C-alpha atoms as a PDB file:
ATOM      1  CA  MET A   1     125.813  94.632 174.860  1.00  0.00           C
ATOM      2  CA  ALA A   2     126.278  98.155 173.599  1.00  0.00           C
ATOM      3  CA  ASP A   3     123.350  99.609 175.554  1.00  0.00           C
ATOM      4  CA  LYS A   4     123.997  97.790 178.822  1.00  0.00           C
ATOM      5  CA  HIS A   5     125.217 100.879 180.669  1.00  0.00           C
ATOM      6  CA  ARG A   6     122.970 103.413 179.013  1.00  0.00           C
ATOM      7  CA  THR A   7     122.079 106.193 181.444  1.00  0.00           C
ATOM      8  CA  PRO A   8     118.519 107.469 181.031  1.00  0.00           C
ATOM      9  CA  ARG A   9     118.317 111.112 180.074  1.00  0.00           C
ATOM     10  CA  ARG A  10     116.078 113.395 182.038  1.00  0.00           C
ATOM     11  CA  PRO A  11     113.130 113.977 179.716  1.00  0.00           C
ATOM     12  CA  ALA A  12     113.398 117.358 178.019  1.00  0.00           C
ATOM     13  CA  MET A  13     110.704 119.600 176.620  1.00  0.00           C
ATOM     14  CA  LEU A  14     110.109 120.093 172.938  1.00  0.00           C
ATOM     15  CA  ASN A  15     111.873 122.960 171.265  1.00  0.00           C
ATOM     16  CA  PRO A  16     109.674 126.009 170.549  1.00  0.00           C
ATOM     17  CA  ARG A  17     108.913 125.087 166.938  1.00  0.00           C
ATOM     18  CA  ASP A  18     107.790 121.559 167.751  1.00  0.00           C
ATOM     19  CA  ALA A  19     105.828 122.578 170.837  1.00  0.00           C
ATOM     20  CA  GLU A  20     104.352 125.858 169.669  1.00  0.00           C
ATOM     21  CA  GLU A  21     100.817 124.516 169.432  1.00  0.00           C
ATOM     22  CA  ILE A  22     100.752 122.534 172.682  1.00  0.00           C
ATOM     23  CA  ILE A  23     102.489 124.830 175.151  1.00  0.00           C
ATOM     24  CA  GLY A  24     101.081 124.622 178.684  1.00  0.00           C
ATOM     25  CA  ASP A  25     101.995 126.159 182.006  1.00  0.00           C
ATOM     26  CA  ASP A  26     102.196 125.124 185.640  1.00  0.00           C
ATOM     27  CA  ASP A  27      98.425 124.901 186.019  1.00  0.00           C
ATOM     28  CA  PRO A  28      97.450 121.223 186.593  1.00  0.00           C
ATOM     29  CA  ALA A  29      94.598 121.435 184.104  1.00  0.00           C
ATOM     30  CA  GLU A  30      96.910 122.861 181.455  1.00  0.00           C
ATOM     31  CA  GLY A  31      99.490 120.196 182.239  1.00  0.00           C
ATOM     32  CA  SER A  32      96.892 117.453 181.879  1.00  0.00           C
ATOM     33  CA  ALA A  33      95.701 118.867 178.572  1.00  0.00           C
ATOM     34  CA  LEU A  34      99.285 119.052 177.329  1.00  0.00           C
ATOM     35  CA  ALA A  35      99.946 115.446 178.355  1.00  0.00           C
ATOM     36  CA  HIS A  36      96.843 114.197 176.556  1.00  0.00           C
ATOM     37  CA  THR A  37      97.422 116.278 173.431  1.00  0.00           C
ATOM     38  CA  SER A  38     101.028 115.146 173.041  1.00  0.00           C
ATOM     39  CA  ALA A  39     100.157 111.492 173.726  1.00  0.00           C
ATOM     40  CA  TRP A  40      97.342 111.345 171.193  1.00  0.00           C
ATOM     41  CA  ALA A  41      99.331 113.325 168.637  1.00  0.00           C
ATOM     42  CA  LEU A  42     102.068 110.698 168.906  1.00  0.00           C
ATOM     43  CA  MET A  43      99.408 108.159 167.915  1.00  0.00           C
ATOM     44  CA  GLY A  44      98.482 110.342 164.928  1.00  0.00           C
ATOM     45  CA  VAL A  45      95.286 111.681 166.492  1.00  0.00           C
ATOM     46  CA  GLY A  46      94.785 115.434 166.638  1.00  0.00           C
ATOM     47  CA  ASP A  47      92.085 117.824 167.749  1.00  0.00           C
ATOM     48  CA  ASP A  48      90.703 121.224 166.773  1.00  0.00           C
ATOM     49  CA  GLU A  49      93.877 122.996 167.915  1.00  0.00           C
ATOM     50  CA  PHE A  50      96.465 120.386 166.919  1.00  0.00           C
ATOM     51  CA  GLY A  51      96.061 119.458 163.280  1.00  0.00           C
ATOM     52  CA  PRO A  52      97.841 117.151 160.813  1.00  0.00           C
ATOM     53  CA  GLU A  53     100.860 119.396 160.257  1.00  0.00           C
ATOM     54  CA  ALA A  54     101.478 119.808 163.975  1.00  0.00           C
ATOM     55  CA  ILE A  55     101.066 116.063 164.492  1.00  0.00           C
ATOM     56  CA  GLU A  56     103.644 115.293 161.842  1.00  0.00           C
ATOM     57  CA  ARG A  57     106.114 117.820 163.312  1.00  0.00           C
ATOM     58  CA  LEU A  58     105.730 116.205 166.717  1.00  0.00           C
ATOM     59  CA  ARG A  59     106.174 112.691 165.381  1.00  0.00           C
ATOM     60  CA  GLU A  60     109.197 113.701 163.316  1.00  0.00           C
ATOM     61  CA  ALA A  61     110.757 115.359 166.366  1.00  0.00           C
ATOM     62  CA  VAL A  62     110.229 112.243 168.491  1.00  0.00           C
ATOM     63  CA  ARG A  63     111.690 109.980 165.800  1.00  0.00           C
ATOM     64  CA  ARG A  64     114.688 112.283 165.568  1.00  0.00           C
ATOM     65  CA  GLU A  65     115.293 113.003 169.263  1.00  0.00           C
ATOM     66  CA  GLY A  66     113.553 110.151 171.079  1.00  0.00           C
ATOM     67  CA  ALA A  67     110.511 109.984 173.344  1.00  0.00           C
ATOM     68  CA  ASP A  68     112.467 111.829 176.043  1.00  0.00           C
ATOM     69  CA  ILE A  69     111.332 115.131 174.541  1.00  0.00           C
ATOM     70  CA  VAL A  70     107.691 114.448 175.415  1.00  0.00           C
ATOM     71  CA  ALA A  71     107.810 111.832 178.183  1.00  0.00           C
ATOM     72  CA  ASP A  72     108.052 114.331 181.028  1.00  0.00           C
ATOM     73  CA  MET A  73     104.623 115.647 180.047  1.00  0.00           C
ATOM     74  CA  TRP A  74     103.085 112.256 180.891  1.00  0.00           C
ATOM     75  CA  ALA A  75     104.697 111.634 184.288  1.00  0.00           C
ATOM     76  CA  ARG A  76     101.814 112.892 186.460  1.00  0.00           C
ATOM     77  CA  SER A  77      99.025 111.368 184.367  1.00  0.00           C
ATOM     78  CA  PRO A  78      96.662 108.788 185.917  1.00  0.00           C
ATOM     79  CA  ASP A  79      97.355 105.187 185.014  1.00  0.00           C
ATOM     80  CA  PHE A  80      93.992 104.766 183.244  1.00  0.00           C
ATOM     81  CA  THR A  81      94.811 107.409 180.615  1.00  0.00           C
ATOM     82  CA  LEU A  82      96.856 107.211 177.411  1.00  0.00           C
ATOM     83  CA  PRO A  83      99.640 109.495 178.705  1.00  0.00           C
ATOM     84  CA  GLY A  84      99.726 107.470 181.932  1.00  0.00           C
ATOM     85  CA  ALA A  85     100.089 104.239 179.965  1.00  0.00           C
ATOM     86  CA  LEU A  86     102.763 105.742 177.708  1.00  0.00           C
ATOM     87  CA  TRP A  87     104.703 106.936 180.763  1.00  0.00           C
ATOM     88  CA  ARG A  88     104.758 103.396 182.120  1.00  0.00           C
ATOM     89  CA  LEU A  89     105.855 102.016 178.760  1.00  0.00           C
ATOM     90  CA  TYR A  90     108.547 104.690 178.576  1.00  0.00           C
ATOM     91  CA  LEU A  91     109.940 103.712 181.995  1.00  0.00           C
ATOM     92  CA  LEU A  92     109.942 100.031 181.008  1.00  0.00           C
ATOM     93  CA  SER A  93     111.711 100.852 177.738  1.00  0.00           C
ATOM     94  CA  GLU A  94     114.365 102.936 179.491  1.00  0.00           C
ATOM     95  CA  TRP A  95     114.963 100.189 182.062  1.00  0.00           C
ATOM     96  CA  TYR A  96     115.280  97.548 179.341  1.00  0.00           C
ATOM     97  CA  HIS A  97     117.751  99.539 177.275  1.00  0.00           C
ATOM     98  CA  ARG A  98     119.814 100.642 180.269  1.00  0.00           C
ATOM     99  CA  ASP A  99     120.028  97.245 181.991  1.00  0.00           C
ATOM    100  CA  ARG A 100     119.302  94.883 179.120  1.00  0.00           C
ATOM    101  CA  ALA A 101     121.385  91.956 180.351  1.00  0.00           C
ATOM    102  CA  HIS A 102     119.800  92.171 183.797  1.00  0.00           C
ATOM    103  CA  VAL A 103     116.258  92.437 182.427  1.00  0.00           C
ATOM    104  CA  GLU A 104     116.810  89.533 180.050  1.00  0.00           C
ATOM    105  CA  SER A 105     118.165  87.410 182.921  1.00  0.00           C
ATOM    106  CA  ARG A 106     115.068  88.168 185.010  1.00  0.00           C
ATOM    107  CA  TYR A 107     112.845  87.333 182.069  1.00  0.00           C
ATOM    108  CA  ALA A 108     114.576  84.019 181.390  1.00  0.00           C
ATOM    109  CA  GLU A 109     114.051  83.013 185.005  1.00  0.00           C
ATOM    110  CA  GLY A 110     110.469  84.218 185.136  1.00  0.00           C
ATOM    111  CA  ARG A 111     109.378  82.462 181.961  1.00  0.00           C
ATOM    112  CA  VAL A 112     110.031  79.033 183.495  1.00  0.00           C
ATOM    113  CA  ALA A 113     108.491  79.826 186.878  1.00  0.00           C
ATOM    114  CA  ARG A 114     105.833  77.424 188.160  1.00  0.00           C
ATOM    115  CA  ILE A 115     103.443  80.328 188.740  1.00  0.00           C
ATOM    116  CA  ILE A 116     103.365  83.639 186.885  1.00  0.00           C
ATOM    117  CA  PRO A 117     101.056  86.003 188.789  1.00  0.00           C
ATOM    118  CA  GLY A 118      98.095  87.092 186.716  1.00  0.00           C
ATOM    119  CA  LEU A 119      98.668  84.616 183.879  1.00  0.00           C
ATOM    120  CA  GLU A 120      96.970  81.252 183.535  1.00  0.00           C
ATOM    121  CA  HIS A 121      98.792  78.116 182.460  1.00  0.00           C
ATOM    122  CA  PRO A 122      99.714  77.232 179.840  1.00  0.00           C
ATOM    123  CA  VAL A 123     101.340  80.643 179.541  1.00  0.00           C
ATOM    124  CA  MET A 124     102.065  82.137 176.145  1.00  0.00           C
ATOM    125  CA  VAL A 125     105.500  83.648 176.672  1.00  0.00           C
ATOM    126  CA  PRO A 126     106.289  86.346 174.109  1.00  0.00           C
ATOM    127  CA  ASP A 127     109.792  87.092 172.922  1.00  0.00           C
ATOM    128  CA  LEU A 128     111.012  89.931 175.118  1.00  0.00           C
ATOM    129  CA  ALA A 129     112.974  91.683 172.366  1.00  0.00           C
ATOM    130  CA  ALA A 130     109.908  91.615 170.112  1.00  0.00           C
ATOM    131  CA  VAL A 131     107.738  93.116 172.859  1.00  0.00           C
ATOM    132  CA  MET A 132     110.244  95.876 173.455  1.00  0.00           C
ATOM    133  CA  ASP A 133     110.597  96.553 169.736  1.00  0.00           C
ATOM    134  CA  GLU A 134     106.846  97.164 169.578  1.00  0.00           C
ATOM    135  CA  VAL A 135     106.990  99.417 172.642  1.00  0.00           C
ATOM    136  CA  ALA A 136     109.824 101.365 171.030  1.00  0.00           C
ATOM    137  CA  ALA A 137     107.864 101.713 167.786  1.00  0.00           C
ATOM    138  CA  LEU A 138     104.835 103.000 169.687  1.00  0.00           C
ATOM    139  CA  LEU A 139     106.947 105.531 171.578  1.00  0.00           C
ATOM    140  CA  ALA A 140     108.507 106.637 168.291  1.00  0.00           C
ATOM    141  CA  GLY A 141     105.142 107.469 166.774  1.00  0.00           C
ATOM    142  CA  GLU A 142     105.412 104.576 164.327  1.00  0.00           C
ATOM    143  CA  ARG A 143     102.168 102.941 165.442  1.00  0.00           C
ATOM    144  CA  THR A 144      98.607 104.224 165.787  1.00  0.00           C
ATOM    145  CA  ASP A 145      95.813 104.005 168.319  1.00  0.00           C
ATOM    146  CA  ASP A 146      94.685 100.799 166.584  1.00  0.00           C
ATOM    147  CA  ASP A 147      97.855  99.125 167.905  1.00  0.00           C
ATOM    148  CA  LEU A 148      97.535 100.322 171.489  1.00  0.00           C
ATOM    149  CA  ALA A 149      95.671  97.407 173.062  1.00  0.00           C
ATOM    150  CA  ASP A 150      98.012  94.711 171.730  1.00  0.00           C
ATOM    151  CA  ILE A 151     101.223  96.576 172.562  1.00  0.00           C
ATOM    152  CA  ILE A 152     100.108  97.581 176.055  1.00  0.00           C
ATOM    153  CA  SER A 153      98.903  94.024 176.754  1.00  0.00           C
ATOM    154  CA  GLY A 154     102.227  92.608 175.572  1.00  0.00           C
ATOM    155  CA  ALA A 155     104.132  94.935 177.894  1.00  0.00           C
ATOM    156  CA  SER A 156     101.893  93.940 180.822  1.00  0.00           C
ATOM    157  CA  ARG A 157     102.507  90.264 180.134  1.00  0.00           C
ATOM    158  CA  ALA A 158     106.264  90.899 180.010  1.00  0.00           C
ATOM    159  CA  LEU A 159     106.130  92.709 183.371  1.00  0.00           C
ATOM    160  CA  ARG A 160     104.340  89.742 184.960  1.00  0.00           C
ATOM    161  CA  ILE A 161     106.981  87.359 183.646  1.00  0.00           C
ATOM    162  CA  LEU A 162     109.716  89.660 184.934  1.00  0.00           C
ATOM    163  CA  ALA A 163     108.048  89.579 188.350  1.00  0.00           C
ATOM    164  CA  ALA A 164     107.890  85.772 188.478  1.00  0.00           C
ATOM    165  CA  GLY A 165     111.528  84.903 189.091  1.00  0.00           C
ATOM    166  CA  ASP A 166     112.250  83.683 192.630  1.00  0.00           C
ATOM    167  CA  THR A 167     115.652  85.364 192.609  1.00  0.00           C
ATOM    168  CA  TYR A 168     114.423  88.844 191.831  1.00  0.00           C
ATOM    169  CA  GLY A 169     110.835  89.001 193.045  1.00  0.00           C
ATOM    170  CA  ALA A 170     108.458  91.771 192.039  1.00  0.00           C
ATOM    171  CA  SER A 171     110.859  94.667 192.611  1.00  0.00           C
ATOM    172  CA  TRP A 172     111.827  97.119 189.898  1.00  0.00           C
ATOM    173  CA  ILE A 173     113.854 100.204 190.851  1.00  0.00           C
ATOM    174  CA  ARG A 174     115.062 100.122 194.458  1.00  0.00           C
ATOM    175  CA  ASP A 175     117.322 103.166 194.620  1.00  0.00           C
ATOM    176  CA  GLU A 176     115.310 106.378 195.002  1.00  0.00           C
ATOM    177  CA  ASP A 177     118.246 108.285 193.462  1.00  0.00           C
ATOM    178  CA  ASP A 178     118.054 106.174 190.312  1.00  0.00           C
ATOM    179  CA  PRO A 179     117.217 108.263 187.202  1.00  0.00           C
ATOM    180  CA  LEU A 180     114.180 106.024 186.674  1.00  0.00           C
ATOM    181  CA  ALA A 181     112.936 106.332 190.251  1.00  0.00           C
ATOM    182  CA  HIS A 182     109.260 107.291 190.177  1.00  0.00           C
ATOM    183  CA  PRO A 183     106.201 106.234 192.221  1.00  0.00           C
ATOM    184  CA  VAL A 184     105.497 103.731 189.424  1.00  0.00           C
ATOM    185  CA  THR A 185     108.848 101.975 189.798  1.00  0.00           C
ATOM    186  CA  VAL A 186     109.827 102.203 193.484  1.00  0.00           C
ATOM    187  CA  ARG A 187     106.559 101.241 195.203  1.00  0.00           C
ATOM    188  CA  THR A 188     105.985  97.838 196.784  1.00  0.00           C
ATOM    189  CA  ARG A 189     105.498  95.076 194.200  1.00  0.00           C
ATOM    190  CA  ALA A 190     105.975  97.652 191.468  1.00  0.00           C
ATOM    191  CA  LEU A 191     106.130  95.255 188.525  1.00  0.00           C
ATOM    192  CA  LEU A 192     102.794  93.622 189.288  1.00  0.00           C
ATOM    193  CA  ARG A 193     101.069  96.892 190.116  1.00  0.00           C
ATOM    194  CA  THR A 194     102.278  98.404 186.858  1.00  0.00           C
ATOM    195  CA  ALA A 195     101.148  95.297 184.958  1.00  0.00           C
ATOM    196  CA  ASP A 196      97.673  95.652 186.495  1.00  0.00           C
ATOM    197  CA  GLU A 197      97.524  99.295 185.433  1.00  0.00           C
ATOM    198  CA  LEU A 198      98.604  98.497 181.897  1.00  0.00           C
ATOM    199  CA  ASP A 199      95.995  95.741 181.683  1.00  0.00           C
ATOM    200  CA  GLU A 200      93.314  98.260 182.619  1.00  0.00           C
ATOM    201  CA  ALA A 201      94.606 100.687 180.001  1.00  0.00           C
ATOM    202  CA  ALA A 202      94.644  97.902 177.383  1.00  0.00           C
ATOM    203  CA  ARG A 203      91.030  97.002 178.160  1.00  0.00           C
ATOM    204  CA  HIS A 204      89.998 100.612 177.651  1.00  0.00           C
ATOM    205  CA  ALA A 205      92.025 100.818 174.438  1.00  0.00           C
ATOM    206  CA  GLU A 206      90.375  97.677 173.103  1.00  0.00           C
ATOM    207  CA  VAL A 207      86.889  99.220 173.341  1.00  0.00           C
ATOM    208  CA  GLY A 208      87.914 102.776 172.472  1.00  0.00           C
ATOM    209  CA  THR A 209      87.450 104.280 175.941  1.00  0.00           C
ATOM    210  CA  LEU A 210      91.074 105.064 176.784  1.00  0.00           C
ATOM    211  CA  ASN A 211      91.118 108.751 177.695  1.00  0.00           C
END
């Protein structure tokens, strides 16, 4: 497929015009605020300092350039926050588009596994391409916070199915020099741990407590 050998880009920062109202610095508190502001703005939710016009500029920039321009802001966010959940979805999306044939092969094997960790039988197996289309739409600012719970839950379910194949096991990224290498993707049983984290985020999103 055309995107089989796609190499992930290192996430870049917004250009000055698009980032002018959410510029942070190296202070952890400022970085956390920046991560949250950019994540919620992508969902169409602003605050006192980041209004409708700034939100639309951000969303237009992401649709034009891709989520890479904001993803780096989310990388150090806790898993139970919106930016932490978006970072995990971003890594999954990049992996899928870079190694699509490999991911689809894992998924095909996992979907017929006798046991899929974390899912009860009979298992509702979603179409992987449809799940990833929804993830892509979310990361493009084409969905809102009302869609978060369903999309995050769908991604978690897909990760559990990917982890179920006997051939592949629950590994994700093994090479620490891989462009997608991150504590989320190279730790032991990464797929299942990430699925657990996304499930927690989805539960918070469902009741409106996702930070």
